[in-house]
Amino acid sequence: MTTRVACLGDSLTRAQFSVDYLGPLERCHAPGDVRLARFGVNGDFAYNLLQRLDAVVADPPDVITVLVGTNDARASLAGYAVEQAMKRKKLPERPSAGWFQQCLGDVVARLRAETDAAIGLLSLPVLGQRLDGAAAHASLAYSRMIAEVAATGGVAYLPLHERQTEELREADPPPVPYREVTPAAGLGVLLQHAVLRRSLDTISRRRGLVLTTDHIHQNSRGAGLIAEVIDAGLLARSV
């Protein structure tokens, strides 16, 4: 019997700028055991995900994973272009921690009400690779909110942030300063990847980054950890 899995999220799930975690997740199982569906939109906040749940509940899967909040966390950092993001993503209010929790809670409530799926909320990938930096602290703070929403909503909590923190501590990487990703920087990665034929892992390595290509989007190692956490915490017991 095939287990149908819907993966909800932002650009990390869309996998244009990130290495795709759906591939290694599928390879954790025998061919035909799982069928993965991708519901990832670049730049989405939790509010945006809440607006597009119709496509998920219209054909309810057996398992739902939610990886969202990275952009909400980034919006709390100095240097993030909040006003531009609000216009681009048509946000009705300024991003905040409280609004993030409310929107994510509403996502969980609707998925529980309109599907019988096993649901798992992933904590966020570590932003940057300086664990003492403001970006990493923001991703930790928002991950703690995700844990609270999961507990309140009665769904699984999948500790991605904790797993990536452990990986970074073991790697003891160079303290590359966090830089916010601009649209131009994102385009630069795509050009290197598509035109110069550099793999995302090559781009990551040239920048001295362990888990990401640009402090946000995942390389193969980071994507592999996402797949690992989903499989161990939710999928392995559902297949």
C-alpha atoms as a PDB file:
ATOM      1  CA  MET A   1       0.000   0.000   0.000  1.00  0.00           C
ATOM      2  CA  THR A   2       1.358   3.389  -0.993  1.00  0.00           C
ATOM      3  CA  THR A   3       1.488   6.148   1.632  1.00  0.00           C
ATOM      4  CA  ARG A   4       0.601   9.539   0.163  1.00  0.00           C
ATOM      5  CA  VAL A   5       2.613  12.408   1.618  1.00  0.00           C
ATOM      6  CA  ALA A   6       2.012  16.143   1.118  1.00  0.00           C
ATOM      7  CA  CYS A   7       5.019  18.359   1.866  1.00  0.00           C
ATOM      8  CA  LEU A   8       3.964  21.948   2.594  1.00  0.00           C
ATOM      9  CA  GLY A   9       6.299  24.907   2.815  1.00  0.00           C
ATOM     10  CA  ASP A  10       8.213  27.733   1.175  1.00  0.00           C
ATOM     11  CA  SER A  11      11.278  27.851  -1.099  1.00  0.00           C
ATOM     12  CA  LEU A  12      12.971  25.070   0.881  1.00  0.00           C
ATOM     13  CA  THR A  13      10.168  22.786  -0.283  1.00  0.00           C
ATOM     14  CA  ARG A  14       9.860  24.345  -3.747  1.00  0.00           C
ATOM     15  CA  ALA A  15      13.571  23.458  -4.241  1.00  0.00           C
ATOM     16  CA  GLN A  16      14.613  25.946  -6.906  1.00  0.00           C
ATOM     17  CA  PHE A  17      17.253  27.579  -4.697  1.00  0.00           C
ATOM     18  CA  SER A  18      17.638  24.627  -2.320  1.00  0.00           C
ATOM     19  CA  VAL A  19      18.648  21.025  -2.820  1.00  0.00           C
ATOM     20  CA  ASP A  20      15.438  18.993  -2.898  1.00  0.00           C
ATOM     21  CA  TYR A  21      14.718  17.074   0.314  1.00  0.00           C
ATOM     22  CA  LEU A  22      11.869  15.098  -1.256  1.00  0.00           C
ATOM     23  CA  GLY A  23      14.337  12.959  -3.208  1.00  0.00           C
ATOM     24  CA  PRO A  24      16.270  11.596  -0.210  1.00  0.00           C
ATOM     25  CA  LEU A  25      12.991  11.243   1.691  1.00  0.00           C
ATOM     26  CA  GLU A  26      11.587   9.018  -1.038  1.00  0.00           C
ATOM     27  CA  ARG A  27      14.805   6.998  -1.175  1.00  0.00           C
ATOM     28  CA  CYS A  28      14.398   6.109   2.506  1.00  0.00           C
ATOM     29  CA  HIS A  29      11.719   3.650   1.396  1.00  0.00           C
ATOM     30  CA  ALA A  30      11.229   0.881  -1.118  1.00  0.00           C
ATOM     31  CA  PRO A  31       9.954   1.958  -4.565  1.00  0.00           C
ATOM     32  CA  GLY A  32       6.214   2.528  -4.475  1.00  0.00           C
ATOM     33  CA  ASP A  33       5.933   2.690  -0.692  1.00  0.00           C
ATOM     34  CA  VAL A  34       5.519   6.474  -0.645  1.00  0.00           C
ATOM     35  CA  ARG A  35       4.196   9.024  -3.123  1.00  0.00           C
ATOM     36  CA  LEU A  36       5.246  12.592  -2.392  1.00  0.00           C
ATOM     37  CA  ALA A  37       3.394  15.750  -3.426  1.00  0.00           C
ATOM     38  CA  ARG A  38       5.089  19.145  -3.268  1.00  0.00           C
ATOM     39  CA  PHE A  39       3.258  22.248  -2.012  1.00  0.00           C
ATOM     40  CA  GLY A  40       6.096  24.769  -1.773  1.00  0.00           C
ATOM     41  CA  VAL A  41       5.989  28.418  -2.851  1.00  0.00           C
ATOM     42  CA  ASN A  42       9.017  30.705  -2.827  1.00  0.00           C
ATOM     43  CA  GLY A  43       8.956  33.442  -0.207  1.00  0.00           C
ATOM     44  CA  ASP A  44       5.854  32.228   1.601  1.00  0.00           C
ATOM     45  CA  PHE A  45       5.087  33.229   5.158  1.00  0.00           C
ATOM     46  CA  ALA A  46       2.831  31.140   7.391  1.00  0.00           C
ATOM     47  CA  TYR A  47      -0.026  33.457   6.382  1.00  0.00           C
ATOM     48  CA  ASN A  48       0.467  32.593   2.695  1.00  0.00           C
ATOM     49  CA  LEU A  49       0.462  28.876   3.401  1.00  0.00           C
ATOM     50  CA  LEU A  50      -2.803  29.259   5.295  1.00  0.00           C
ATOM     51  CA  GLN A  51      -4.390  30.812   2.184  1.00  0.00           C
ATOM     52  CA  ARG A  52      -3.568  27.885  -0.092  1.00  0.00           C
ATOM     53  CA  LEU A  53      -4.672  24.843   1.860  1.00  0.00           C
ATOM     54  CA  ASP A  54      -7.612  24.119  -0.457  1.00  0.00           C
ATOM     55  CA  ALA A  55      -5.379  22.126  -2.803  1.00  0.00           C
ATOM     56  CA  VAL A  56      -4.241  19.940   0.096  1.00  0.00           C
ATOM     57  CA  VAL A  57      -7.610  19.220   1.707  1.00  0.00           C
ATOM     58  CA  ALA A  58      -9.321  18.675  -1.656  1.00  0.00           C
ATOM     59  CA  ASP A  59      -7.491  15.354  -1.979  1.00  0.00           C
ATOM     60  CA  PRO A  60      -6.363  14.541   1.561  1.00  0.00           C
ATOM     61  CA  PRO A  61      -3.080  12.628   1.857  1.00  0.00           C
ATOM     62  CA  ASP A  62      -2.106  10.118   4.532  1.00  0.00           C
ATOM     63  CA  VAL A  63       0.747  12.238   5.904  1.00  0.00           C
ATOM     64  CA  ILE A  64       1.327  16.009   5.904  1.00  0.00           C
ATOM     65  CA  THR A  65       4.605  17.744   6.714  1.00  0.00           C
ATOM     66  CA  VAL A  66       4.828  21.490   7.285  1.00  0.00           C
ATOM     67  CA  LEU A  67       8.105  23.385   6.992  1.00  0.00           C
ATOM     68  CA  VAL A  68       7.313  27.080   7.149  1.00  0.00           C
ATOM     69  CA  GLY A  69       8.458  30.063   9.196  1.00  0.00           C
ATOM     70  CA  THR A  70      11.906  30.787   7.825  1.00  0.00           C
ATOM     71  CA  ASN A  71      10.652  33.963   6.144  1.00  0.00           C
ATOM     72  CA  ASP A  72       8.718  34.959   9.261  1.00  0.00           C
ATOM     73  CA  ALA A  73      11.932  34.582  11.268  1.00  0.00           C
ATOM     74  CA  ARG A  74      13.992  36.488   8.682  1.00  0.00           C
ATOM     75  CA  ALA A  75      11.506  39.370   8.884  1.00  0.00           C
ATOM     76  CA  SER A  76      12.468  39.849  12.533  1.00  0.00           C
ATOM     77  CA  LEU A  77      16.111  40.530  11.603  1.00  0.00           C
ATOM     78  CA  ALA A  78      17.741  43.882  10.911  1.00  0.00           C
ATOM     79  CA  GLY A  79      18.378  44.302   7.214  1.00  0.00           C
ATOM     80  CA  TYR A  80      15.394  42.292   5.996  1.00  0.00           C
ATOM     81  CA  ALA A  81      13.298  44.225   3.453  1.00  0.00           C
ATOM     82  CA  VAL A  82       9.981  43.885   5.284  1.00  0.00           C
ATOM     83  CA  GLU A  83       7.999  46.440   3.276  1.00  0.00           C
ATOM     84  CA  GLN A  84       8.991  44.871  -0.047  1.00  0.00           C
ATOM     85  CA  ALA A  85       8.103  41.414   1.237  1.00  0.00           C
ATOM     86  CA  MET A  86       4.713  42.612   2.431  1.00  0.00           C
ATOM     87  CA  LYS A  87       3.923  43.969  -1.032  1.00  0.00           C
ATOM     88  CA  ARG A  88       5.328  40.961  -2.874  1.00  0.00           C
ATOM     89  CA  LYS A  89       3.463  38.418  -0.738  1.00  0.00           C
ATOM     90  CA  LYS A  90       0.342  40.573  -0.199  1.00  0.00           C
ATOM     91  CA  LEU A  91       0.538  40.385   3.573  1.00  0.00           C
ATOM     92  CA  PRO A  92      -2.336  42.189   5.345  1.00  0.00           C
ATOM     93  CA  GLU A  93      -0.157  43.099   8.324  1.00  0.00           C
ATOM     94  CA  ARG A  94       3.458  43.397   9.318  1.00  0.00           C
ATOM     95  CA  PRO A  95       5.062  40.036  10.153  1.00  0.00           C
ATOM     96  CA  SER A  96       5.404  39.373  13.867  1.00  0.00           C
ATOM     97  CA  ALA A  97       5.954  36.435  16.184  1.00  0.00           C
ATOM     98  CA  GLY A  98       2.370  36.507  17.449  1.00  0.00           C
ATOM     99  CA  TRP A  99       0.895  36.587  13.955  1.00  0.00           C
ATOM    100  CA  PHE A 100       3.143  33.732  12.880  1.00  0.00           C
ATOM    101  CA  GLN A 101       1.912  31.552  15.749  1.00  0.00           C
ATOM    102  CA  GLN A 102      -1.704  32.435  15.002  1.00  0.00           C
ATOM    103  CA  CYS A 103      -1.399  31.605  11.307  1.00  0.00           C
ATOM    104  CA  LEU A 104       0.470  28.357  11.932  1.00  0.00           C
ATOM    105  CA  GLY A 105      -2.102  27.366  14.544  1.00  0.00           C
ATOM    106  CA  ASP A 106      -4.855  28.028  12.003  1.00  0.00           C
ATOM    107  CA  VAL A 107      -3.016  25.852   9.460  1.00  0.00           C
ATOM    108  CA  VAL A 108      -2.937  22.984  11.961  1.00  0.00           C
ATOM    109  CA  ALA A 109      -6.576  23.478  12.946  1.00  0.00           C
ATOM    110  CA  ARG A 110      -7.801  23.312   9.358  1.00  0.00           C
ATOM    111  CA  LEU A 111      -5.649  20.319   8.430  1.00  0.00           C
ATOM    112  CA  ARG A 112      -6.874  18.427  11.496  1.00  0.00           C
ATOM    113  CA  ALA A 113     -10.501  19.351  10.843  1.00  0.00           C
ATOM    114  CA  GLU A 114     -10.536  18.506   7.127  1.00  0.00           C
ATOM    115  CA  THR A 115      -8.117  15.565   6.842  1.00  0.00           C
ATOM    116  CA  ASP A 116      -7.330  12.384   8.733  1.00  0.00           C
ATOM    117  CA  ALA A 117      -3.623  12.733   7.956  1.00  0.00           C
ATOM    118  CA  ALA A 118      -0.754  12.272  10.378  1.00  0.00           C
ATOM    119  CA  ILE A 119       0.645  15.812  10.623  1.00  0.00           C
ATOM    120  CA  GLY A 120       4.156  16.911  11.522  1.00  0.00           C
ATOM    121  CA  LEU A 121       5.521  20.438  12.018  1.00  0.00           C
ATOM    122  CA  LEU A 122       9.250  20.828  11.437  1.00  0.00           C
ATOM    123  CA  SER A 123      11.246  23.327  13.413  1.00  0.00           C
ATOM    124  CA  LEU A 124      13.279  25.659  11.237  1.00  0.00           C
ATOM    125  CA  PRO A 125      16.652  25.023   9.658  1.00  0.00           C
ATOM    126  CA  VAL A 126      19.364  27.043  11.367  1.00  0.00           C
ATOM    127  CA  LEU A 127      19.713  30.493   9.777  1.00  0.00           C
ATOM    128  CA  GLY A 128      23.389  31.121   9.097  1.00  0.00           C
ATOM    129  CA  GLN A 129      26.042  28.967  10.698  1.00  0.00           C
ATOM    130  CA  ARG A 130      27.102  31.089  13.643  1.00  0.00           C
ATOM    131  CA  LEU A 131      25.073  29.580  16.454  1.00  0.00           C
ATOM    132  CA  ASP A 132      25.713  32.669  18.585  1.00  0.00           C
ATOM    133  CA  GLY A 133      24.505  35.021  15.840  1.00  0.00           C
ATOM    134  CA  ALA A 134      21.226  36.943  15.626  1.00  0.00           C
ATOM    135  CA  ALA A 135      20.005  34.905  12.637  1.00  0.00           C
ATOM    136  CA  ALA A 136      20.480  31.572  14.406  1.00  0.00           C
ATOM    137  CA  HIS A 137      18.821  32.969  17.512  1.00  0.00           C
ATOM    138  CA  ALA A 138      15.816  34.038  15.431  1.00  0.00           C
ATOM    139  CA  SER A 139      15.453  30.594  13.895  1.00  0.00           C
ATOM    140  CA  LEU A 140      15.667  29.075  17.385  1.00  0.00           C
ATOM    141  CA  ALA A 141      13.024  31.436  18.776  1.00  0.00           C
ATOM    142  CA  TYR A 142      10.608  30.658  15.941  1.00  0.00           C
ATOM    143  CA  SER A 143      11.332  26.942  16.285  1.00  0.00           C
ATOM    144  CA  ARG A 144      10.250  27.143  19.920  1.00  0.00           C
ATOM    145  CA  MET A 145       6.994  28.739  18.756  1.00  0.00           C
ATOM    146  CA  ILE A 146       6.507  25.867  16.320  1.00  0.00           C
ATOM    147  CA  ALA A 147       6.970  23.396  19.176  1.00  0.00           C
ATOM    148  CA  GLU A 148       4.281  25.241  21.150  1.00  0.00           C
ATOM    149  CA  VAL A 149       1.856  25.182  18.214  1.00  0.00           C
ATOM    150  CA  ALA A 150       2.479  21.458  17.679  1.00  0.00           C
ATOM    151  CA  ALA A 151       1.826  20.699  21.357  1.00  0.00           C
ATOM    152  CA  THR A 152      -1.316  22.827  21.473  1.00  0.00           C
ATOM    153  CA  GLY A 153      -2.615  21.435  18.192  1.00  0.00           C
ATOM    154  CA  GLY A 154      -1.906  17.820  19.058  1.00  0.00           C
ATOM    155  CA  VAL A 155       0.391  17.114  16.105  1.00  0.00           C
ATOM    156  CA  ALA A 156       3.943  15.797  15.841  1.00  0.00           C
ATOM    157  CA  TYR A 157       6.914  18.088  16.343  1.00  0.00           C
ATOM    158  CA  LEU A 158       9.894  17.258  14.119  1.00  0.00           C
ATOM    159  CA  PRO A 159      13.130  18.688  15.609  1.00  0.00           C
ATOM    160  CA  LEU A 160      15.008  19.859  12.520  1.00  0.00           C
ATOM    161  CA  HIS A 161      16.570  22.898  14.205  1.00  0.00           C
ATOM    162  CA  GLU A 162      17.932  20.743  16.990  1.00  0.00           C
ATOM    163  CA  ARG A 163      19.353  18.229  14.518  1.00  0.00           C
ATOM    164  CA  GLN A 164      21.037  20.932  12.429  1.00  0.00           C
ATOM    165  CA  THR A 165      22.431  22.621  15.534  1.00  0.00           C
ATOM    166  CA  GLU A 166      24.005  19.312  16.515  1.00  0.00           C
ATOM    167  CA  GLU A 167      25.465  18.932  13.012  1.00  0.00           C
ATOM    168  CA  LEU A 168      26.975  22.420  13.064  1.00  0.00           C
ATOM    169  CA  ARG A 169      28.515  21.918  16.496  1.00  0.00           C
ATOM    170  CA  GLU A 170      30.144  18.705  15.348  1.00  0.00           C
ATOM    171  CA  ALA A 171      31.398  20.315  12.109  1.00  0.00           C
ATOM    172  CA  ASP A 172      32.813  23.374  13.917  1.00  0.00           C
ATOM    173  CA  PRO A 173      32.561  25.454  10.711  1.00  0.00           C
ATOM    174  CA  PRO A 174      34.256  28.777   9.981  1.00  0.00           C
ATOM    175  CA  PRO A 175      32.232  31.708  11.409  1.00  0.00           C
ATOM    176  CA  VAL A 176      31.033  33.067   8.060  1.00  0.00           C
ATOM    177  CA  PRO A 177      28.949  36.201   8.802  1.00  0.00           C
ATOM    178  CA  TYR A 178      25.227  35.972   8.025  1.00  0.00           C
ATOM    179  CA  ARG A 179      24.090  37.969   5.027  1.00  0.00           C
ATOM    180  CA  GLU A 180      20.460  38.463   4.138  1.00  0.00           C
ATOM    181  CA  VAL A 181      19.566  37.062   0.713  1.00  0.00           C
ATOM    182  CA  THR A 182      18.378  39.714  -1.725  1.00  0.00           C
ATOM    183  CA  PRO A 183      16.493  38.966  -4.984  1.00  0.00           C
ATOM    184  CA  ALA A 184      19.705  39.789  -6.863  1.00  0.00           C
ATOM    185  CA  ALA A 185      21.678  37.317  -4.747  1.00  0.00           C
ATOM    186  CA  GLY A 186      19.078  34.643  -5.375  1.00  0.00           C
ATOM    187  CA  LEU A 187      19.283  35.271  -9.097  1.00  0.00           C
ATOM    188  CA  GLY A 188      23.059  35.001  -8.845  1.00  0.00           C
ATOM    189  CA  VAL A 189      22.768  31.500  -7.412  1.00  0.00           C
ATOM    190  CA  LEU A 190      20.401  30.467 -10.201  1.00  0.00           C
ATOM    191  CA  LEU A 191      22.776  31.830 -12.836  1.00  0.00           C
ATOM    192  CA  GLN A 192      25.735  29.993 -11.333  1.00  0.00           C
ATOM    193  CA  HIS A 193      23.665  26.827 -11.207  1.00  0.00           C
ATOM    194  CA  ALA A 194      21.990  27.035 -14.639  1.00  0.00           C
ATOM    195  CA  VAL A 195      24.576  28.883 -16.739  1.00  0.00           C
ATOM    196  CA  LEU A 196      27.910  28.004 -15.151  1.00  0.00           C
ATOM    197  CA  ARG A 197      26.684  24.488 -14.309  1.00  0.00           C
ATOM    198  CA  ARG A 198      27.887  24.716 -10.725  1.00  0.00           C
ATOM    199  CA  SER A 199      26.075  22.412  -8.347  1.00  0.00           C
ATOM    200  CA  LEU A 200      24.441  23.939  -5.302  1.00  0.00           C
ATOM    201  CA  ASP A 201      26.934  21.971  -3.223  1.00  0.00           C
ATOM    202  CA  THR A 202      29.824  23.543  -5.117  1.00  0.00           C
ATOM    203  CA  ILE A 203      28.390  27.010  -4.496  1.00  0.00           C
ATOM    204  CA  SER A 204      27.994  26.134  -0.826  1.00  0.00           C
ATOM    205  CA  ARG A 205      31.554  24.836  -0.537  1.00  0.00           C
ATOM    206  CA  ARG A 206      33.066  27.888  -2.257  1.00  0.00           C
ATOM    207  CA  ARG A 207      31.340  30.078   0.338  1.00  0.00           C
ATOM    208  CA  GLY A 208      32.535  28.036   3.311  1.00  0.00           C
ATOM    209  CA  LEU A 209      29.004  26.982   4.269  1.00  0.00           C
ATOM    210  CA  VAL A 210      28.214  23.603   5.816  1.00  0.00           C
ATOM    211  CA  LEU A 211      24.439  23.180   5.443  1.00  0.00           C
ATOM    212  CA  THR A 212      23.325  25.952   3.100  1.00  0.00           C
ATOM    213  CA  THR A 213      24.153  27.691  -0.151  1.00  0.00           C
ATOM    214  CA  ASP A 214      23.462  31.192   1.193  1.00  0.00           C
ATOM    215  CA  HIS A 215      22.771  30.869   4.942  1.00  0.00           C
ATOM    216  CA  ILE A 216      19.100  30.040   4.190  1.00  0.00           C
ATOM    217  CA  HIS A 217      18.638  27.568   1.327  1.00  0.00           C
ATOM    218  CA  GLN A 218      19.868  24.038   1.845  1.00  0.00           C
ATOM    219  CA  ASN A 219      22.732  22.131   0.251  1.00  0.00           C
ATOM    220  CA  SER A 220      22.664  18.310   0.037  1.00  0.00           C
ATOM    221  CA  ARG A 221      23.775  17.922   3.642  1.00  0.00           C
ATOM    222  CA  GLY A 222      21.093  20.264   4.943  1.00  0.00           C
ATOM    223  CA  ALA A 223      18.384  18.737   2.754  1.00  0.00           C
ATOM    224  CA  GLY A 224      19.423  15.275   3.883  1.00  0.00           C
ATOM    225  CA  LEU A 225      18.860  16.286   7.495  1.00  0.00           C
ATOM    226  CA  ILE A 226      15.351  17.496   6.646  1.00  0.00           C
ATOM    227  CA  ALA A 227      14.573  14.111   5.087  1.00  0.00           C
ATOM    228  CA  GLU A 228      16.120  12.309   8.058  1.00  0.00           C
ATOM    229  CA  VAL A 229      14.029  14.181  10.609  1.00  0.00           C
ATOM    230  CA  ILE A 230      10.776  13.712   8.668  1.00  0.00           C
ATOM    231  CA  ASP A 231      11.395  10.015   8.200  1.00  0.00           C
ATOM    232  CA  ALA A 232      12.457   9.287  11.766  1.00  0.00           C
ATOM    233  CA  GLY A 233       9.803  11.419  13.434  1.00  0.00           C
ATOM    234  CA  LEU A 234       6.753  10.778  11.277  1.00  0.00           C
ATOM    235  CA  LEU A 235       7.023   8.825   8.049  1.00  0.00           C
ATOM    236  CA  ALA A 236       8.751   5.648   9.275  1.00  0.00           C
ATOM    237  CA  ARG A 237       5.819   4.872  11.561  1.00  0.00           C
ATOM    238  CA  SER A 238       3.213   5.716   8.905  1.00  0.00           C
ATOM    239  CA  VAL A 239       4.487   3.534   6.055  1.00  0.00           C
END
